[in-house]
Amino acid sequence: MRNRRDGMNTGAKNNGDMKNMKERMQRSLPAHDGFPLRTVTAMTGLTPDLIRAWEKRYAVVAPIRGARGARLYTSADIAHLRLLARVVGAGRAIGDVAALSAAQLETLVAQGAPDGQERDSRGIPSPREEFVNRVLGRLERFDYAAVSRLLGDAVVGLGVRAFVHEVVLPLVHRVGARWADGELSIAEEHLVTGMLRNLLASLMQGRAAAGQPLVLATPAGERHEIGLLLVALLARDAGANVVYLSVDLPAADIVTAATRTQARVVGLSLVTSDNRVRAIAEIKAIHTALPAECELWLGGANARQVAAGVKTLRGLVLDTLQATEAELTRIGAGAIAYA
């Protein structure tokens, strides 16, 4: 009996140790940084089977188990898998690159595909292409919940800046091209545009900052908002104090807002070519009335044509988001926090 009780006590102790170890492992991963496999596949473009194979054969990531035994991955795991996907998708063997550091993988990504090939013999698509294809597939079925979930997972898994550059921009371009070719209905275009508008606006909440603001708007007659929201989100993510005025504002109202807030920059988005004549008149009025110390930035597909119609424009034409980010860095290390 004594030995039996000892054995039972030992078993209970072992079970307790196992339970405590499991709890410690589960606690070791913050709740906000534990992503399920479905999120990882969406963010990387890799299939679940391929991810598991890379884990088993090459130990490229080491997920822990959640409360119900599901694999949970960190943001760092997702970032590493995305790098590996890009390198392997460019034509390199996983066995040759699995042990490389993030810096070494970044170098290979910058070098591009060996022998000019963009994909390996298995035809692995880029993570961005695969993800956008998934969103478009759900969009064609008007699956609002699925599109919302995919975009939400993308924000969490990638972070704001990568989400903007690697998901939103390619998605907007694909939607626009397919709509122009008649492959996408107006209803589908409106659905995804509305979802993006709501998501981007929600991401800007709670990101207030100090310092002279960046005032963002579109002039009268210009109603396209997604590009303006992307600039606002990137600026706030960089720490800027953004005053977002939204779309279709008269020149006098934009100038009043800039003057009262002592804005360092007024940024205007110009997309619609049909509104060009009116936009030129509005930009002339804004340009003339803005305080000398306030910079004027023009962005969007129609910005350069509008600027050409304004003689001696005291401002910048920024054709891309990358150019805008470079100017944000120039005027305040990305934070626009002035003395």
C-alpha atoms as a PDB file:
ATOM      1  CA  MET A   1       0.000   0.000   0.000  1.00  0.00           C
ATOM      2  CA  ARG A   2       2.822   2.306   0.813  1.00  0.00           C
ATOM      3  CA  ASN A   3       4.446   1.760  -2.555  1.00  0.00           C
ATOM      4  CA  ARG A   4       1.101   2.146  -4.250  1.00  0.00           C
ATOM      5  CA  ARG A   5       0.430   5.430  -2.500  1.00  0.00           C
ATOM      6  CA  ASP A   6       3.938   6.601  -3.386  1.00  0.00           C
ATOM      7  CA  GLY A   7       3.306   5.690  -6.985  1.00  0.00           C
ATOM      8  CA  MET A   8      -0.001   7.526  -6.977  1.00  0.00           C
ATOM      9  CA  ASN A   9       1.619  10.560  -5.411  1.00  0.00           C
ATOM     10  CA  THR A  10       4.390  10.476  -7.968  1.00  0.00           C
ATOM     11  CA  GLY A  11       1.869  10.263 -10.795  1.00  0.00           C
ATOM     12  CA  ALA A  12      -0.127  13.142  -9.394  1.00  0.00           C
ATOM     13  CA  LYS A  13       3.053  15.173  -9.048  1.00  0.00           C
ATOM     14  CA  ASN A  14       4.038  14.448 -12.641  1.00  0.00           C
ATOM     15  CA  ASN A  15       0.574  15.389 -13.860  1.00  0.00           C
ATOM     16  CA  GLY A  16       0.785  18.598 -11.875  1.00  0.00           C
ATOM     17  CA  ASP A  17       4.208  19.365 -13.331  1.00  0.00           C
ATOM     18  CA  MET A  18       2.910  18.729 -16.837  1.00  0.00           C
ATOM     19  CA  LYS A  19      -0.077  21.006 -16.217  1.00  0.00           C
ATOM     20  CA  ASN A  20       2.113  23.768 -14.816  1.00  0.00           C
ATOM     21  CA  MET A  21       4.522  23.482 -17.733  1.00  0.00           C
ATOM     22  CA  LYS A  22       1.649  23.671 -20.207  1.00  0.00           C
ATOM     23  CA  GLU A  23       0.251  26.743 -18.459  1.00  0.00           C
ATOM     24  CA  ARG A  24       3.669  28.407 -18.480  1.00  0.00           C
ATOM     25  CA  MET A  25       4.045  27.698 -22.191  1.00  0.00           C
ATOM     26  CA  GLN A  26       0.622  29.146 -22.902  1.00  0.00           C
ATOM     27  CA  ARG A  27       1.399  32.224 -20.836  1.00  0.00           C
ATOM     28  CA  SER A  28       4.751  32.690 -22.576  1.00  0.00           C
ATOM     29  CA  LEU A  29       3.009  34.011 -25.681  1.00  0.00           C
ATOM     30  CA  PRO A  30       1.070  37.261 -25.239  1.00  0.00           C
ATOM     31  CA  ALA A  31      -2.590  36.949 -26.181  1.00  0.00           C
ATOM     32  CA  HIS A  32      -2.299  39.688 -28.791  1.00  0.00           C
ATOM     33  CA  ASP A  33       0.691  38.020 -30.436  1.00  0.00           C
ATOM     34  CA  GLY A  34      -0.589  34.489 -30.836  1.00  0.00           C
ATOM     35  CA  PHE A  35      -1.905  33.998 -34.374  1.00  0.00           C
ATOM     36  CA  PRO A  36      -3.568  30.784 -35.615  1.00  0.00           C
ATOM     37  CA  LEU A  37      -2.408  28.910 -38.684  1.00  0.00           C
ATOM     38  CA  ARG A  38      -5.200  30.352 -40.847  1.00  0.00           C
ATOM     39  CA  THR A  39      -3.857  33.851 -40.219  1.00  0.00           C
ATOM     40  CA  VAL A  40      -0.312  32.745 -41.028  1.00  0.00           C
ATOM     41  CA  THR A  41      -1.396  31.193 -44.331  1.00  0.00           C
ATOM     42  CA  ALA A  42      -3.272  34.384 -45.236  1.00  0.00           C
ATOM     43  CA  MET A  43      -0.281  36.577 -44.414  1.00  0.00           C
ATOM     44  CA  THR A  44       2.385  34.463 -46.086  1.00  0.00           C
ATOM     45  CA  GLY A  45       0.662  32.840 -49.056  1.00  0.00           C
ATOM     46  CA  LEU A  46       2.042  29.489 -47.911  1.00  0.00           C
ATOM     47  CA  THR A  47      -0.212  26.461 -47.519  1.00  0.00           C
ATOM     48  CA  PRO A  48      -0.685  24.876 -44.080  1.00  0.00           C
ATOM     49  CA  ASP A  49       1.003  21.675 -45.290  1.00  0.00           C
ATOM     50  CA  LEU A  50       4.051  23.584 -46.528  1.00  0.00           C
ATOM     51  CA  ILE A  51       4.366  25.542 -43.284  1.00  0.00           C
ATOM     52  CA  ARG A  52       4.195  22.327 -41.250  1.00  0.00           C
ATOM     53  CA  ALA A  53       6.778  20.707 -43.530  1.00  0.00           C
ATOM     54  CA  TRP A  54       9.172  23.609 -43.100  1.00  0.00           C
ATOM     55  CA  GLU A  55       8.672  23.468 -39.347  1.00  0.00           C
ATOM     56  CA  LYS A  56       9.373  19.745 -39.169  1.00  0.00           C
ATOM     57  CA  ARG A  57      12.261  19.504 -41.606  1.00  0.00           C
ATOM     58  CA  TYR A  58      14.035  22.807 -41.131  1.00  0.00           C
ATOM     59  CA  ALA A  59      12.713  24.248 -37.831  1.00  0.00           C
ATOM     60  CA  VAL A  60      12.261  27.660 -39.454  1.00  0.00           C
ATOM     61  CA  VAL A  61       9.701  28.594 -36.777  1.00  0.00           C
ATOM     62  CA  ALA A  62       8.749  27.048 -33.450  1.00  0.00           C
ATOM     63  CA  PRO A  63       5.079  27.746 -32.692  1.00  0.00           C
ATOM     64  CA  ILE A  64       3.684  26.938 -29.278  1.00  0.00           C
ATOM     65  CA  ARG A  65       0.391  25.267 -28.525  1.00  0.00           C
ATOM     66  CA  GLY A  66      -2.658  27.210 -27.487  1.00  0.00           C
ATOM     67  CA  ALA A  67      -5.185  26.195 -24.846  1.00  0.00           C
ATOM     68  CA  ARG A  68      -6.801  23.678 -27.217  1.00  0.00           C
ATOM     69  CA  GLY A  69      -3.585  22.454 -28.767  1.00  0.00           C
ATOM     70  CA  ALA A  70      -3.680  24.672 -31.847  1.00  0.00           C
ATOM     71  CA  ARG A  71      -0.443  26.079 -33.219  1.00  0.00           C
ATOM     72  CA  LEU A  72       0.102  29.747 -32.349  1.00  0.00           C
ATOM     73  CA  TYR A  73       2.613  31.935 -34.154  1.00  0.00           C
ATOM     74  CA  THR A  74       4.139  35.299 -33.285  1.00  0.00           C
ATOM     75  CA  SER A  75       4.435  38.361 -35.490  1.00  0.00           C
ATOM     76  CA  ALA A  76       8.135  37.545 -35.782  1.00  0.00           C
ATOM     77  CA  ASP A  77       7.246  34.043 -37.038  1.00  0.00           C
ATOM     78  CA  ILE A  78       4.967  35.523 -39.690  1.00  0.00           C
ATOM     79  CA  ALA A  79       7.600  38.026 -40.780  1.00  0.00           C
ATOM     80  CA  HIS A  80      10.217  35.264 -41.056  1.00  0.00           C
ATOM     81  CA  LEU A  81       7.929  32.982 -43.039  1.00  0.00           C
ATOM     82  CA  ARG A  82       7.059  35.835 -45.391  1.00  0.00           C
ATOM     83  CA  LEU A  83      10.748  36.429 -46.050  1.00  0.00           C
ATOM     84  CA  LEU A  84      11.292  32.728 -46.694  1.00  0.00           C
ATOM     85  CA  ALA A  85       8.264  32.646 -49.000  1.00  0.00           C
ATOM     86  CA  ARG A  86       9.647  35.533 -51.049  1.00  0.00           C
ATOM     87  CA  VAL A  87      13.106  33.988 -51.312  1.00  0.00           C
ATOM     88  CA  VAL A  88      11.816  30.502 -52.169  1.00  0.00           C
ATOM     89  CA  GLY A  89       9.245  31.970 -54.530  1.00  0.00           C
ATOM     90  CA  ALA A  90      12.095  33.680 -56.362  1.00  0.00           C
ATOM     91  CA  GLY A  91      13.664  30.322 -57.154  1.00  0.00           C
ATOM     92  CA  ARG A  92      15.914  29.329 -54.258  1.00  0.00           C
ATOM     93  CA  ALA A  93      15.602  25.989 -52.472  1.00  0.00           C
ATOM     94  CA  ILE A  94      14.277  26.070 -48.927  1.00  0.00           C
ATOM     95  CA  GLY A  95      17.115  23.782 -47.804  1.00  0.00           C
ATOM     96  CA  ASP A  96      19.643  26.385 -48.937  1.00  0.00           C
ATOM     97  CA  VAL A  97      18.058  29.323 -47.098  1.00  0.00           C
ATOM     98  CA  ALA A  98      16.266  27.838 -44.076  1.00  0.00           C
ATOM     99  CA  ALA A  99      19.145  28.545 -41.695  1.00  0.00           C
ATOM    100  CA  LEU A 100      19.766  32.114 -42.862  1.00  0.00           C
ATOM    101  CA  SER A 101      19.127  35.099 -40.618  1.00  0.00           C
ATOM    102  CA  ALA A 102      16.496  37.734 -41.338  1.00  0.00           C
ATOM    103  CA  ALA A 103      19.206  40.134 -42.529  1.00  0.00           C
ATOM    104  CA  GLN A 104      20.601  37.547 -44.930  1.00  0.00           C
ATOM    105  CA  LEU A 105      17.123  36.790 -46.273  1.00  0.00           C
ATOM    106  CA  GLU A 106      16.477  40.513 -46.775  1.00  0.00           C
ATOM    107  CA  THR A 107      19.678  40.695 -48.808  1.00  0.00           C
ATOM    108  CA  LEU A 108      18.481  37.864 -51.039  1.00  0.00           C
ATOM    109  CA  VAL A 109      15.104  39.553 -51.461  1.00  0.00           C
ATOM    110  CA  ALA A 110      16.860  42.770 -52.518  1.00  0.00           C
ATOM    111  CA  GLN A 111      18.986  40.832 -55.013  1.00  0.00           C
ATOM    112  CA  GLY A 112      15.882  39.454 -56.680  1.00  0.00           C
ATOM    113  CA  ALA A 113      15.387  36.121 -58.343  1.00  0.00           C
ATOM    114  CA  PRO A 114      18.372  34.112 -59.581  1.00  0.00           C
ATOM    115  CA  ASP A 115      18.638  34.061 -63.369  1.00  0.00           C
ATOM    116  CA  GLY A 116      15.771  36.556 -63.603  1.00  0.00           C
ATOM    117  CA  GLN A 117      13.127  34.048 -62.458  1.00  0.00           C
ATOM    118  CA  GLU A 118      10.312  35.418 -60.310  1.00  0.00           C
ATOM    119  CA  ARG A 119       9.022  32.037 -59.109  1.00  0.00           C
ATOM    120  CA  ASP A 120      10.446  28.604 -58.574  1.00  0.00           C
ATOM    121  CA  SER A 121       9.527  25.534 -60.578  1.00  0.00           C
ATOM    122  CA  ARG A 122       6.556  24.882 -58.280  1.00  0.00           C
ATOM    123  CA  GLY A 123       5.102  28.272 -59.168  1.00  0.00           C
ATOM    124  CA  ILE A 124       4.712  29.523 -55.577  1.00  0.00           C
ATOM    125  CA  PRO A 125       2.965  32.913 -55.879  1.00  0.00           C
ATOM    126  CA  SER A 126       4.089  35.924 -53.927  1.00  0.00           C
ATOM    127  CA  PRO A 127       2.338  36.300 -50.542  1.00  0.00           C
ATOM    128  CA  ARG A 128       0.827  39.599 -51.663  1.00  0.00           C
ATOM    129  CA  GLU A 129      -0.620  38.152 -54.871  1.00  0.00           C
ATOM    130  CA  GLU A 130      -2.042  35.128 -53.096  1.00  0.00           C
ATOM    131  CA  PHE A 131      -3.647  37.211 -50.364  1.00  0.00           C
ATOM    132  CA  VAL A 132      -5.200  39.708 -52.762  1.00  0.00           C
ATOM    133  CA  ASN A 133      -6.565  36.800 -54.802  1.00  0.00           C
ATOM    134  CA  ARG A 134      -8.233  35.450 -51.672  1.00  0.00           C
ATOM    135  CA  VAL A 135      -9.859  38.774 -50.911  1.00  0.00           C
ATOM    136  CA  LEU A 136     -11.090  39.151 -54.486  1.00  0.00           C
ATOM    137  CA  GLY A 137     -12.486  35.631 -54.445  1.00  0.00           C
ATOM    138  CA  ARG A 138     -14.549  36.367 -51.320  1.00  0.00           C
ATOM    139  CA  LEU A 139     -15.550  39.726 -52.772  1.00  0.00           C
ATOM    140  CA  GLU A 140     -17.031  38.098 -55.858  1.00  0.00           C
ATOM    141  CA  ARG A 141     -19.372  36.167 -53.538  1.00  0.00           C
ATOM    142  CA  PHE A 142     -20.207  39.327 -51.568  1.00  0.00           C
ATOM    143  CA  ASP A 143     -18.878  37.539 -48.499  1.00  0.00           C
ATOM    144  CA  TYR A 144     -18.635  40.593 -46.261  1.00  0.00           C
ATOM    145  CA  ALA A 145     -17.646  38.613 -43.161  1.00  0.00           C
ATOM    146  CA  ALA A 146     -14.810  36.780 -44.914  1.00  0.00           C
ATOM    147  CA  VAL A 147     -13.389  39.940 -46.528  1.00  0.00           C
ATOM    148  CA  SER A 148     -13.602  41.744 -43.203  1.00  0.00           C
ATOM    149  CA  ARG A 149     -11.827  38.895 -41.415  1.00  0.00           C
ATOM    150  CA  LEU A 150      -9.062  38.682 -44.019  1.00  0.00           C
ATOM    151  CA  LEU A 151      -8.375  42.414 -43.905  1.00  0.00           C
ATOM    152  CA  GLY A 152      -8.486  42.433 -40.116  1.00  0.00           C
ATOM    153  CA  ASP A 153      -6.029  39.537 -39.957  1.00  0.00           C
ATOM    154  CA  ALA A 154      -3.770  41.397 -42.378  1.00  0.00           C
ATOM    155  CA  VAL A 155      -3.625  44.490 -40.188  1.00  0.00           C
ATOM    156  CA  VAL A 156      -2.805  42.467 -37.080  1.00  0.00           C
ATOM    157  CA  GLY A 157      -0.297  40.200 -38.775  1.00  0.00           C
ATOM    158  CA  LEU A 158       1.548  42.808 -40.838  1.00  0.00           C
ATOM    159  CA  GLY A 159       1.303  46.085 -38.970  1.00  0.00           C
ATOM    160  CA  VAL A 160       0.022  49.345 -40.409  1.00  0.00           C
ATOM    161  CA  ARG A 161       2.770  50.243 -42.873  1.00  0.00           C
ATOM    162  CA  ALA A 162       3.128  46.791 -44.433  1.00  0.00           C
ATOM    163  CA  PHE A 163      -0.669  46.467 -44.562  1.00  0.00           C
ATOM    164  CA  VAL A 164      -0.911  49.716 -46.528  1.00  0.00           C
ATOM    165  CA  HIS A 165       1.873  48.923 -48.987  1.00  0.00           C
ATOM    166  CA  GLU A 166       1.447  45.161 -49.385  1.00  0.00           C
ATOM    167  CA  VAL A 167      -2.313  44.702 -49.116  1.00  0.00           C
ATOM    168  CA  VAL A 168      -4.346  47.883 -49.596  1.00  0.00           C
ATOM    169  CA  LEU A 169      -2.444  49.369 -52.543  1.00  0.00           C
ATOM    170  CA  PRO A 170      -2.327  46.133 -54.586  1.00  0.00           C
ATOM    171  CA  LEU A 171      -5.962  45.434 -53.726  1.00  0.00           C
ATOM    172  CA  VAL A 172      -7.123  48.905 -54.774  1.00  0.00           C
ATOM    173  CA  HIS A 173      -5.164  48.671 -58.026  1.00  0.00           C
ATOM    174  CA  ARG A 174      -6.569  45.209 -58.822  1.00  0.00           C
ATOM    175  CA  VAL A 175     -10.130  46.287 -58.014  1.00  0.00           C
ATOM    176  CA  GLY A 176      -9.771  49.385 -60.186  1.00  0.00           C
ATOM    177  CA  ALA A 177      -8.334  47.418 -63.107  1.00  0.00           C
ATOM    178  CA  ARG A 178     -10.988  44.707 -62.912  1.00  0.00           C
ATOM    179  CA  TRP A 179     -13.766  47.287 -62.686  1.00  0.00           C
ATOM    180  CA  ALA A 180     -12.372  49.118 -65.737  1.00  0.00           C
ATOM    181  CA  ASP A 181     -12.254  45.818 -67.661  1.00  0.00           C
ATOM    182  CA  GLY A 182     -15.841  44.998 -66.715  1.00  0.00           C
ATOM    183  CA  GLU A 183     -14.800  42.017 -64.584  1.00  0.00           C
ATOM    184  CA  LEU A 184     -16.041  43.591 -61.369  1.00  0.00           C
ATOM    185  CA  SER A 185     -19.463  45.108 -60.777  1.00  0.00           C
ATOM    186  CA  ILE A 186     -20.069  48.550 -59.309  1.00  0.00           C
ATOM    187  CA  ALA A 187     -21.634  46.840 -56.306  1.00  0.00           C
ATOM    188  CA  GLU A 188     -18.483  44.807 -55.654  1.00  0.00           C
ATOM    189  CA  GLU A 189     -16.297  47.899 -56.039  1.00  0.00           C
ATOM    190  CA  HIS A 190     -18.500  49.840 -53.627  1.00  0.00           C
ATOM    191  CA  LEU A 191     -18.418  46.980 -51.115  1.00  0.00           C
ATOM    192  CA  VAL A 192     -14.641  46.767 -50.891  1.00  0.00           C
ATOM    193  CA  THR A 193     -14.181  50.551 -51.009  1.00  0.00           C
ATOM    194  CA  GLY A 194     -16.646  51.013 -48.162  1.00  0.00           C
ATOM    195  CA  MET A 195     -14.967  48.296 -46.097  1.00  0.00           C
ATOM    196  CA  LEU A 196     -11.539  49.804 -46.644  1.00  0.00           C
ATOM    197  CA  ARG A 197     -12.792  53.284 -45.788  1.00  0.00           C
ATOM    198  CA  ASN A 198     -14.311  52.066 -42.516  1.00  0.00           C
ATOM    199  CA  LEU A 199     -11.265  49.988 -41.598  1.00  0.00           C
ATOM    200  CA  LEU A 200      -8.732  52.722 -42.334  1.00  0.00           C
ATOM    201  CA  ALA A 201     -10.780  55.291 -40.437  1.00  0.00           C
ATOM    202  CA  SER A 202     -11.021  52.977 -37.435  1.00  0.00           C
ATOM    203  CA  LEU A 203      -7.256  52.409 -37.450  1.00  0.00           C
ATOM    204  CA  MET A 204      -6.697  56.136 -37.078  1.00  0.00           C
ATOM    205  CA  GLN A 205      -8.655  56.293 -33.836  1.00  0.00           C
ATOM    206  CA  GLY A 206      -6.642  56.831 -30.680  1.00  0.00           C
ATOM    207  CA  ARG A 207      -3.521  57.960 -32.527  1.00  0.00           C
ATOM    208  CA  ALA A 208      -3.514  61.623 -31.535  1.00  0.00           C
ATOM    209  CA  ALA A 209      -0.119  63.327 -31.310  1.00  0.00           C
ATOM    210  CA  ALA A 210       1.315  66.719 -30.378  1.00  0.00           C
ATOM    211  CA  GLY A 211       3.076  69.228 -32.614  1.00  0.00           C
ATOM    212  CA  GLN A 212       2.184  71.320 -35.621  1.00  0.00           C
ATOM    213  CA  PRO A 213      -0.342  69.357 -37.631  1.00  0.00           C
ATOM    214  CA  LEU A 214      -0.527  67.951 -41.094  1.00  0.00           C
ATOM    215  CA  VAL A 215      -3.923  69.035 -42.468  1.00  0.00           C
ATOM    216  CA  LEU A 216      -5.338  66.575 -45.009  1.00  0.00           C
ATOM    217  CA  ALA A 217      -8.316  67.049 -47.314  1.00  0.00           C
ATOM    218  CA  THR A 218      -9.510  66.961 -50.902  1.00  0.00           C
ATOM    219  CA  PRO A 219     -10.647  70.182 -52.633  1.00  0.00           C
ATOM    220  CA  ALA A 220     -14.154  70.894 -53.804  1.00  0.00           C
ATOM    221  CA  GLY A 221     -15.419  68.391 -56.360  1.00  0.00           C
ATOM    222  CA  GLU A 222     -12.955  65.655 -55.370  1.00  0.00           C
ATOM    223  CA  ARG A 223     -14.628  62.748 -53.565  1.00  0.00           C
ATOM    224  CA  HIS A 224     -12.053  59.941 -53.773  1.00  0.00           C
ATOM    225  CA  GLU A 225     -10.926  59.220 -50.224  1.00  0.00           C
ATOM    226  CA  ILE A 226      -8.903  56.003 -49.989  1.00  0.00           C
ATOM    227  CA  GLY A 227      -5.563  57.558 -50.977  1.00  0.00           C
ATOM    228  CA  LEU A 228      -6.071  60.411 -48.525  1.00  0.00           C
ATOM    229  CA  LEU A 229      -6.888  57.948 -45.745  1.00  0.00           C
ATOM    230  CA  LEU A 230      -3.738  55.962 -46.502  1.00  0.00           C
ATOM    231  CA  VAL A 231      -1.583  59.082 -46.170  1.00  0.00           C
ATOM    232  CA  ALA A 232      -3.353  60.009 -42.930  1.00  0.00           C
ATOM    233  CA  LEU A 233      -2.846  56.537 -41.498  1.00  0.00           C
ATOM    234  CA  LEU A 234       0.838  56.368 -42.431  1.00  0.00           C
ATOM    235  CA  ALA A 235       1.431  59.848 -41.017  1.00  0.00           C
ATOM    236  CA  ARG A 236      -0.279  59.021 -37.742  1.00  0.00           C
ATOM    237  CA  ASP A 237       1.525  55.706 -37.532  1.00  0.00           C
ATOM    238  CA  ALA A 238       4.764  57.690 -37.825  1.00  0.00           C
ATOM    239  CA  GLY A 239       3.684  59.905 -34.915  1.00  0.00           C
ATOM    240  CA  ALA A 240       2.288  62.900 -36.782  1.00  0.00           C
ATOM    241  CA  ASN A 241      -0.446  65.178 -35.517  1.00  0.00           C
ATOM    242  CA  VAL A 242      -2.975  64.774 -38.320  1.00  0.00           C
ATOM    243  CA  VAL A 243      -6.040  66.967 -38.797  1.00  0.00           C
ATOM    244  CA  TYR A 244      -8.192  64.961 -41.178  1.00  0.00           C
ATOM    245  CA  LEU A 245     -10.835  67.082 -42.913  1.00  0.00           C
ATOM    246  CA  SER A 246     -12.089  64.392 -45.318  1.00  0.00           C
ATOM    247  CA  VAL A 247     -13.273  65.183 -48.863  1.00  0.00           C
ATOM    248  CA  ASP A 248     -14.882  67.857 -51.057  1.00  0.00           C
ATOM    249  CA  LEU A 249     -13.954  70.979 -49.080  1.00  0.00           C
ATOM    250  CA  PRO A 250     -14.014  74.569 -50.429  1.00  0.00           C
ATOM    251  CA  ALA A 251     -10.659  76.335 -50.590  1.00  0.00           C
ATOM    252  CA  ALA A 252     -11.633  78.898 -47.951  1.00  0.00           C
ATOM    253  CA  ASP A 253     -12.447  76.201 -45.387  1.00  0.00           C
ATOM    254  CA  ILE A 254      -9.147  74.414 -45.965  1.00  0.00           C
ATOM    255  CA  VAL A 255      -7.220  77.660 -45.525  1.00  0.00           C
ATOM    256  CA  THR A 256      -9.173  78.508 -42.350  1.00  0.00           C
ATOM    257  CA  ALA A 257      -8.360  75.110 -40.822  1.00  0.00           C
ATOM    258  CA  ALA A 258      -4.689  75.438 -41.726  1.00  0.00           C
ATOM    259  CA  THR A 259      -4.471  78.954 -40.281  1.00  0.00           C
ATOM    260  CA  ARG A 260      -6.260  78.207 -37.023  1.00  0.00           C
ATOM    261  CA  THR A 261      -4.220  75.059 -36.359  1.00  0.00           C
ATOM    262  CA  GLN A 262      -0.945  76.695 -37.448  1.00  0.00           C
ATOM    263  CA  ALA A 263      -0.402  73.749 -39.750  1.00  0.00           C
ATOM    264  CA  ARG A 264       3.057  72.943 -41.007  1.00  0.00           C
ATOM    265  CA  VAL A 265       1.669  71.125 -44.058  1.00  0.00           C
ATOM    266  CA  VAL A 266      -1.561  71.047 -46.044  1.00  0.00           C
ATOM    267  CA  GLY A 267      -1.847  67.837 -48.062  1.00  0.00           C
ATOM    268  CA  LEU A 268      -4.458  67.565 -50.813  1.00  0.00           C
ATOM    269  CA  SER A 269      -5.445  64.488 -52.811  1.00  0.00           C
ATOM    270  CA  LEU A 270      -6.383  64.943 -56.480  1.00  0.00           C
ATOM    271  CA  VAL A 271      -7.606  61.910 -58.378  1.00  0.00           C
ATOM    272  CA  THR A 272     -10.529  62.761 -60.673  1.00  0.00           C
ATOM    273  CA  SER A 273      -9.511  64.047 -64.105  1.00  0.00           C
ATOM    274  CA  ASP A 274     -13.067  65.272 -64.787  1.00  0.00           C
ATOM    275  CA  ASN A 275     -12.646  67.714 -61.908  1.00  0.00           C
ATOM    276  CA  ARG A 276      -9.324  69.123 -63.134  1.00  0.00           C
ATOM    277  CA  VAL A 277     -10.479  72.608 -64.161  1.00  0.00           C
ATOM    278  CA  ARG A 278     -12.240  73.176 -60.855  1.00  0.00           C
ATOM    279  CA  ALA A 279      -9.335  71.650 -58.939  1.00  0.00           C
ATOM    280  CA  ILE A 280      -6.873  74.061 -60.563  1.00  0.00           C
ATOM    281  CA  ALA A 281      -8.990  77.012 -59.462  1.00  0.00           C
ATOM    282  CA  GLU A 282      -9.270  75.642 -55.925  1.00  0.00           C
ATOM    283  CA  ILE A 283      -5.531  74.963 -55.632  1.00  0.00           C
ATOM    284  CA  LYS A 284      -4.747  78.484 -56.892  1.00  0.00           C
ATOM    285  CA  ALA A 285      -6.956  79.957 -54.180  1.00  0.00           C
ATOM    286  CA  ILE A 286      -5.437  77.758 -51.475  1.00  0.00           C
ATOM    287  CA  HIS A 287      -1.906  78.406 -52.711  1.00  0.00           C
ATOM    288  CA  THR A 288      -2.406  82.165 -52.603  1.00  0.00           C
ATOM    289  CA  ALA A 289      -4.043  82.285 -49.166  1.00  0.00           C
ATOM    290  CA  LEU A 290      -1.889  79.826 -47.185  1.00  0.00           C
ATOM    291  CA  PRO A 291       0.636  81.330 -44.743  1.00  0.00           C
ATOM    292  CA  ALA A 292       4.144  81.401 -46.181  1.00  0.00           C
ATOM    293  CA  GLU A 293       5.462  78.994 -43.558  1.00  0.00           C
ATOM    294  CA  CYS A 294       2.867  76.321 -44.435  1.00  0.00           C
ATOM    295  CA  GLU A 295       3.896  73.805 -47.091  1.00  0.00           C
ATOM    296  CA  LEU A 296       1.447  72.592 -49.727  1.00  0.00           C
ATOM    297  CA  TRP A 297       1.622  68.965 -50.847  1.00  0.00           C
ATOM    298  CA  LEU A 298      -0.365  67.599 -53.797  1.00  0.00           C
ATOM    299  CA  GLY A 299      -0.817  63.870 -54.296  1.00  0.00           C
ATOM    300  CA  GLY A 300      -2.956  61.483 -56.319  1.00  0.00           C
ATOM    301  CA  ALA A 301      -3.286  60.411 -59.931  1.00  0.00           C
ATOM    302  CA  ASN A 302      -4.275  63.899 -61.149  1.00  0.00           C
ATOM    303  CA  ALA A 303      -1.884  65.915 -58.983  1.00  0.00           C
ATOM    304  CA  ARG A 304       0.810  66.581 -61.564  1.00  0.00           C
ATOM    305  CA  GLN A 305      -1.683  67.748 -64.197  1.00  0.00           C
ATOM    306  CA  VAL A 306      -3.347  70.089 -61.706  1.00  0.00           C
ATOM    307  CA  ALA A 307       0.009  71.451 -60.572  1.00  0.00           C
ATOM    308  CA  ALA A 308       0.916  72.191 -64.188  1.00  0.00           C
ATOM    309  CA  GLY A 309      -2.106  74.460 -64.373  1.00  0.00           C
ATOM    310  CA  VAL A 310      -1.000  76.504 -61.352  1.00  0.00           C
ATOM    311  CA  LYS A 311       1.755  78.942 -62.275  1.00  0.00           C
ATOM    312  CA  THR A 312       4.658  79.295 -59.829  1.00  0.00           C
ATOM    313  CA  LEU A 313       3.220  76.661 -57.488  1.00  0.00           C
ATOM    314  CA  ARG A 314       4.780  76.891 -54.045  1.00  0.00           C
ATOM    315  CA  GLY A 315       4.398  73.262 -53.186  1.00  0.00           C
ATOM    316  CA  LEU A 316       5.373  69.656 -53.831  1.00  0.00           C
ATOM    317  CA  VAL A 317       3.852  67.046 -56.105  1.00  0.00           C
ATOM    318  CA  LEU A 318       4.131  63.598 -54.510  1.00  0.00           C
ATOM    319  CA  ASP A 319       3.314  60.835 -56.971  1.00  0.00           C
ATOM    320  CA  THR A 320       3.620  57.887 -54.570  1.00  0.00           C
ATOM    321  CA  LEU A 321       3.140  57.018 -50.923  1.00  0.00           C
ATOM    322  CA  GLN A 322       6.870  56.339 -50.711  1.00  0.00           C
ATOM    323  CA  ALA A 323       7.550  59.905 -51.819  1.00  0.00           C
ATOM    324  CA  THR A 324       5.120  61.171 -49.190  1.00  0.00           C
ATOM    325  CA  GLU A 325       6.822  59.131 -46.485  1.00  0.00           C
ATOM    326  CA  ALA A 326      10.182  60.549 -47.527  1.00  0.00           C
ATOM    327  CA  GLU A 327       8.814  64.072 -47.073  1.00  0.00           C
ATOM    328  CA  LEU A 328       7.404  63.155 -43.672  1.00  0.00           C
ATOM    329  CA  THR A 329      10.875  62.071 -42.668  1.00  0.00           C
ATOM    330  CA  ARG A 330      12.427  65.238 -44.093  1.00  0.00           C
ATOM    331  CA  ILE A 331      10.303  67.615 -42.081  1.00  0.00           C
ATOM    332  CA  GLY A 332      10.436  65.852 -38.778  1.00  0.00           C
ATOM    333  CA  ALA A 333      11.962  62.357 -38.749  1.00  0.00           C
ATOM    334  CA  GLY A 334       8.526  60.995 -39.523  1.00  0.00           C
ATOM    335  CA  ALA A 335       6.930  62.528 -36.462  1.00  0.00           C
ATOM    336  CA  ILE A 336       6.230  66.149 -37.472  1.00  0.00           C
ATOM    337  CA  ALA A 337       6.820  67.266 -33.871  1.00  0.00           C
ATOM    338  CA  TYR A 338       8.161  70.758 -34.169  1.00  0.00           C
ATOM    339  CA  ALA A 339       9.534  73.135 -31.585  1.00  0.00           C
END
